[in-house]
Amino acid sequence: MCFSATASFSASAAIGFVGIATLAKTKNKKAWMLMAVPLLFAIQQFAEGLIWLSLKNHWPYTLPLTDIYLFFALLLWPIYIPLAARMLETNKVRQLIISIFCLGGAVVGIILYAAFLQKPEAAQIINQCLFYPNLAPYPTLFGYLYILFTVGVGAISSKTIIKLFSVLLLIFSLIAWYFYAINFTSVWCFFAAIISGVLYFYPKK
């Protein structure tokens, strides 16, 4: 979690176990991309645990670990989640709309991650949480676009599990923003990692 290495590693282990179990029971190859989400979040949370250790022990690895973490947070998720929804969609009109979300998510993700790469800054501890720099132009606008393309795809998808996942993401996005605005990236990704456990309940077929 945002508050300690122990919390991050614990979340990584728990959601990693769920991720492996989710993939193991999934027979539909088109669902594998979505079902891999918990396992990918487990990797991201493990990276955050290492960031905590690096900061606490003054190791020289904080910046490269921040780079790994933000690869997931800024670049991967706004591209990956719409693509996973697109893989499962069978309605042609919804497929087209979700494809637009995929394109929008790719543009937003690339801009956000490129902004970090142009002026990389290591994570810091602020308010007992990890703070990651937001160096994008018009950060508020890009924050809204990020949520739109990453979470909003659930409003388009015809799959109940994606709708549920997206609604929970939106709720906890608002909670993270209200209580931890300055630490939003860390807190939101922690919540999203835990919420991804609901994907285990995707029908086994």
Protein backbone atom coordinates (compact mmCIF):
# COMPACT_ATOMS: atom_id res chain seq x y z
CA MET A 1 0.00 0.00 0.00
CA CYS A 2 1.01 3.61 0.04
CA PHE A 3 1.86 3.51 3.75
CA SER A 4 4.63 0.91 4.04
CA ALA A 5 6.71 -1.72 2.32
CA THR A 6 4.92 -4.39 4.33
CA ALA A 7 1.53 -3.30 3.05
CA SER A 8 2.77 -3.19 -0.56
CA PHE A 9 4.37 -6.63 -0.36
CA SER A 10 1.32 -8.07 1.40
CA ALA A 11 -0.99 -6.69 -1.30
CA SER A 12 1.37 -8.03 -3.96
CA ALA A 13 1.36 -11.53 -2.46
CA ALA A 14 -2.41 -11.63 -1.94
CA ILE A 15 -3.42 -10.28 -5.33
CA GLY A 16 -0.69 -12.33 -7.01
CA PHE A 17 -2.21 -15.50 -5.59
CA VAL A 18 -5.65 -14.40 -6.79
CA GLY A 19 -4.19 -13.57 -10.21
CA ILE A 20 -2.64 -17.01 -10.64
CA ALA A 21 -5.88 -18.68 -9.54
CA THR A 22 -7.89 -16.48 -11.90
CA LEU A 23 -5.74 -17.33 -14.91
CA ALA A 24 -5.69 -21.01 -14.00
CA LYS A 25 -9.47 -21.31 -14.08
CA THR A 26 -10.03 -19.24 -17.23
CA LYS A 27 -10.71 -21.31 -20.35
CA ASN A 28 -11.71 -18.49 -22.67
CA LYS A 29 -8.54 -17.30 -24.42
CA LYS A 30 -10.13 -13.93 -25.19
CA ALA A 31 -10.52 -13.37 -21.44
CA TRP A 32 -6.88 -14.05 -20.57
CA MET A 33 -5.86 -10.43 -21.08
CA LEU A 34 -8.44 -9.22 -18.57
CA MET A 35 -7.78 -12.10 -16.19
CA ALA A 36 -4.07 -11.20 -16.10
CA VAL A 37 -4.87 -7.80 -14.54
CA PRO A 38 -4.51 -8.97 -10.89
CA LEU A 39 -1.13 -10.58 -11.62
CA LEU A 40 0.13 -7.39 -13.29
CA PHE A 41 -1.06 -5.33 -10.33
CA ALA A 42 0.82 -7.73 -8.05
CA ILE A 43 4.04 -6.97 -9.95
CA GLN A 44 3.36 -3.23 -9.68
CA GLN A 45 2.73 -3.46 -5.93
CA PHE A 46 5.91 -5.49 -5.49
CA ALA A 47 7.81 -2.69 -7.25
CA GLU A 48 6.28 -0.17 -4.85
CA GLY A 49 7.39 -2.28 -1.90
CA LEU A 50 10.93 -2.11 -3.25
CA ILE A 51 10.61 1.67 -3.61
CA TRP A 52 9.74 1.88 0.09
CA LEU A 53 12.79 -0.21 0.99
CA SER A 54 15.02 1.87 -1.26
CA LEU A 55 13.84 5.13 0.32
CA LYS A 56 14.01 3.85 3.89
CA ASN A 57 17.48 2.34 3.44
CA HIS A 58 18.86 5.08 1.16
CA TRP A 59 19.51 2.63 -1.66
CA PRO A 60 20.39 4.04 -5.10
CA TYR A 61 17.50 2.26 -6.80
CA THR A 62 14.59 4.59 -6.11
CA LEU A 63 14.57 6.28 -9.53
CA PRO A 64 14.71 3.10 -11.67
CA LEU A 65 12.08 1.49 -9.45
CA THR A 66 9.93 4.61 -9.82
CA ASP A 67 10.32 4.24 -13.58
CA ILE A 68 9.05 0.64 -13.41
CA TYR A 69 6.12 1.58 -11.19
CA LEU A 70 5.07 4.50 -13.38
CA PHE A 71 5.33 2.36 -16.50
CA PHE A 72 2.39 0.44 -15.08
CA ALA A 73 0.57 3.42 -13.57
CA LEU A 74 0.92 5.93 -16.39
CA LEU A 75 1.44 3.94 -19.57
CA LEU A 76 0.18 0.39 -19.20
CA TRP A 77 -3.21 0.74 -17.51
CA PRO A 78 -4.87 3.36 -19.78
CA ILE A 79 -3.89 1.18 -22.76
CA TYR A 80 -4.28 -2.30 -21.30
CA ILE A 81 -7.68 -2.09 -19.63
CA PRO A 82 -9.57 -0.77 -22.70
CA LEU A 83 -7.80 -3.40 -24.85
CA ALA A 84 -8.80 -6.15 -22.43
CA ALA A 85 -12.41 -4.95 -22.62
CA ARG A 86 -12.18 -4.82 -26.41
CA MET A 87 -10.99 -8.44 -26.54
CA LEU A 88 -14.14 -9.64 -24.79
CA GLU A 89 -16.68 -7.42 -26.52
CA THR A 90 -18.96 -9.08 -29.07
CA ASN A 91 -21.27 -6.19 -29.98
CA LYS A 92 -19.95 -4.44 -33.10
CA VAL A 93 -21.01 -0.92 -32.12
CA ARG A 94 -19.54 -1.30 -28.64
CA GLN A 95 -16.36 -2.69 -30.18
CA LEU A 96 -16.00 0.46 -32.25
CA ILE A 97 -16.54 2.77 -29.28
CA ILE A 98 -14.13 0.79 -27.11
CA SER A 99 -11.57 0.97 -29.93
CA ILE A 100 -11.78 4.76 -29.64
CA PHE A 101 -11.17 4.40 -25.90
CA CYS A 102 -8.13 2.25 -26.70
CA LEU A 103 -6.75 4.98 -28.94
CA GLY A 104 -7.49 7.71 -26.41
CA GLY A 105 -5.92 5.71 -23.61
CA ALA A 106 -2.81 5.13 -25.70
CA VAL A 107 -2.43 8.84 -26.42
CA VAL A 108 -2.91 9.81 -22.77
CA GLY A 109 -0.61 7.06 -21.50
CA ILE A 110 2.18 7.91 -23.91
CA ILE A 111 2.01 11.62 -23.09
CA LEU A 112 2.01 11.01 -19.33
CA TYR A 113 4.88 8.52 -19.39
CA ALA A 114 6.90 10.55 -21.90
CA ALA A 115 6.58 13.60 -19.65
CA PHE A 116 8.08 11.57 -16.80
CA LEU A 117 10.90 10.20 -18.98
CA GLN A 118 11.82 13.68 -20.18
CA LYS A 119 12.34 14.85 -16.61
CA PRO A 120 12.47 11.75 -14.37
CA GLU A 121 12.02 12.28 -10.65
CA ALA A 122 12.19 9.62 -7.97
CA ALA A 123 9.27 8.90 -5.66
CA GLN A 124 9.24 10.65 -2.29
CA ILE A 125 7.54 10.06 1.05
CA ILE A 126 4.93 12.75 1.70
CA ASN A 127 2.10 12.47 4.24
CA GLN A 128 3.32 8.99 5.15
CA CYS A 129 2.55 7.90 1.59
CA LEU A 130 4.54 7.71 -1.61
CA PHE A 131 4.34 10.70 -3.88
CA TYR A 132 4.98 10.34 -7.60
CA PRO A 133 5.59 13.41 -9.76
CA ASN A 134 2.95 14.47 -12.28
CA LEU A 135 4.87 16.32 -14.96
CA ALA A 136 2.27 16.20 -17.71
CA PRO A 137 1.03 19.40 -19.36
CA TYR A 138 -2.36 20.36 -17.92
CA PRO A 139 -2.18 17.68 -15.18
CA THR A 140 -5.81 18.08 -14.08
CA LEU A 141 -7.10 17.64 -17.63
CA PHE A 142 -4.93 14.59 -18.20
CA GLY A 143 -6.05 13.19 -14.86
CA TYR A 144 -9.68 13.35 -15.98
CA LEU A 145 -8.81 11.84 -19.37
CA TYR A 146 -6.87 9.05 -17.67
CA ILE A 147 -9.89 8.11 -15.55
CA LEU A 148 -12.22 8.46 -18.55
CA PHE A 149 -10.33 6.01 -20.74
CA THR A 150 -9.24 3.63 -17.99
CA VAL A 151 -12.43 3.48 -15.93
CA GLY A 152 -15.05 4.81 -18.34
CA VAL A 153 -14.73 1.83 -20.65
CA GLY A 154 -16.94 -0.06 -18.21
CA ALA A 155 -19.87 2.14 -19.21
CA ILE A 156 -19.49 0.91 -22.81
CA SER A 157 -18.72 -2.75 -22.22
CA SER A 158 -21.57 -5.27 -22.30
CA LYS A 159 -19.76 -7.56 -19.83
CA THR A 160 -21.04 -7.43 -16.25
CA ILE A 161 -17.65 -8.17 -14.70
CA ILE A 162 -16.05 -5.22 -16.52
CA LYS A 163 -18.90 -2.93 -15.48
CA LEU A 164 -18.50 -4.02 -11.85
CA PHE A 165 -14.72 -3.60 -11.95
CA SER A 166 -15.08 -0.14 -13.49
CA VAL A 167 -17.73 1.04 -11.02
CA LEU A 168 -15.56 -0.04 -8.08
CA LEU A 169 -12.55 1.68 -9.66
CA LEU A 170 -14.53 4.90 -10.04
CA ILE A 171 -15.77 4.82 -6.44
CA PHE A 172 -12.31 4.27 -5.03
CA SER A 173 -10.82 6.82 -7.44
CA LEU A 174 -13.08 9.44 -5.85
CA ILE A 175 -12.14 8.25 -2.36
CA ALA A 176 -8.42 8.35 -3.19
CA TRP A 177 -8.73 11.81 -4.74
CA TYR A 178 -10.74 13.23 -1.81
CA PHE A 179 -8.53 11.92 0.99
CA TYR A 180 -5.13 11.56 -0.72
CA ALA A 181 -5.06 13.98 -3.63
CA ILE A 182 -1.31 14.57 -3.47
CA ASN A 183 -0.67 10.82 -3.21
CA PHE A 184 -3.37 9.85 -5.70
CA THR A 185 -1.21 7.68 -7.97
CA SER A 186 -0.01 5.43 -5.16
CA VAL A 187 -3.33 5.17 -3.33
CA TRP A 188 -5.43 4.65 -6.46
CA CYS A 189 -3.17 1.90 -7.76
CA PHE A 190 -3.31 0.15 -4.39
CA PHE A 191 -7.11 0.28 -4.38
CA ALA A 192 -7.22 -0.85 -8.02
CA ALA A 193 -4.94 -3.79 -7.25
CA ILE A 194 -7.23 -5.00 -4.45
CA ILE A 195 -10.37 -4.39 -6.50
CA SER A 196 -8.95 -6.43 -9.38
CA GLY A 197 -9.61 -9.48 -7.21
CA VAL A 198 -13.26 -9.34 -8.33
CA LEU A 199 -12.09 -10.59 -11.73
CA TYR A 200 -11.72 -14.02 -10.14
CA PHE A 201 -15.50 -14.28 -10.33
CA TYR A 202 -15.55 -14.08 -14.12
CA PRO A 203 -17.43 -17.20 -15.29
CA LYS A 204 -15.21 -20.24 -15.79
CA LYS A 205 -15.63 -21.04 -19.46
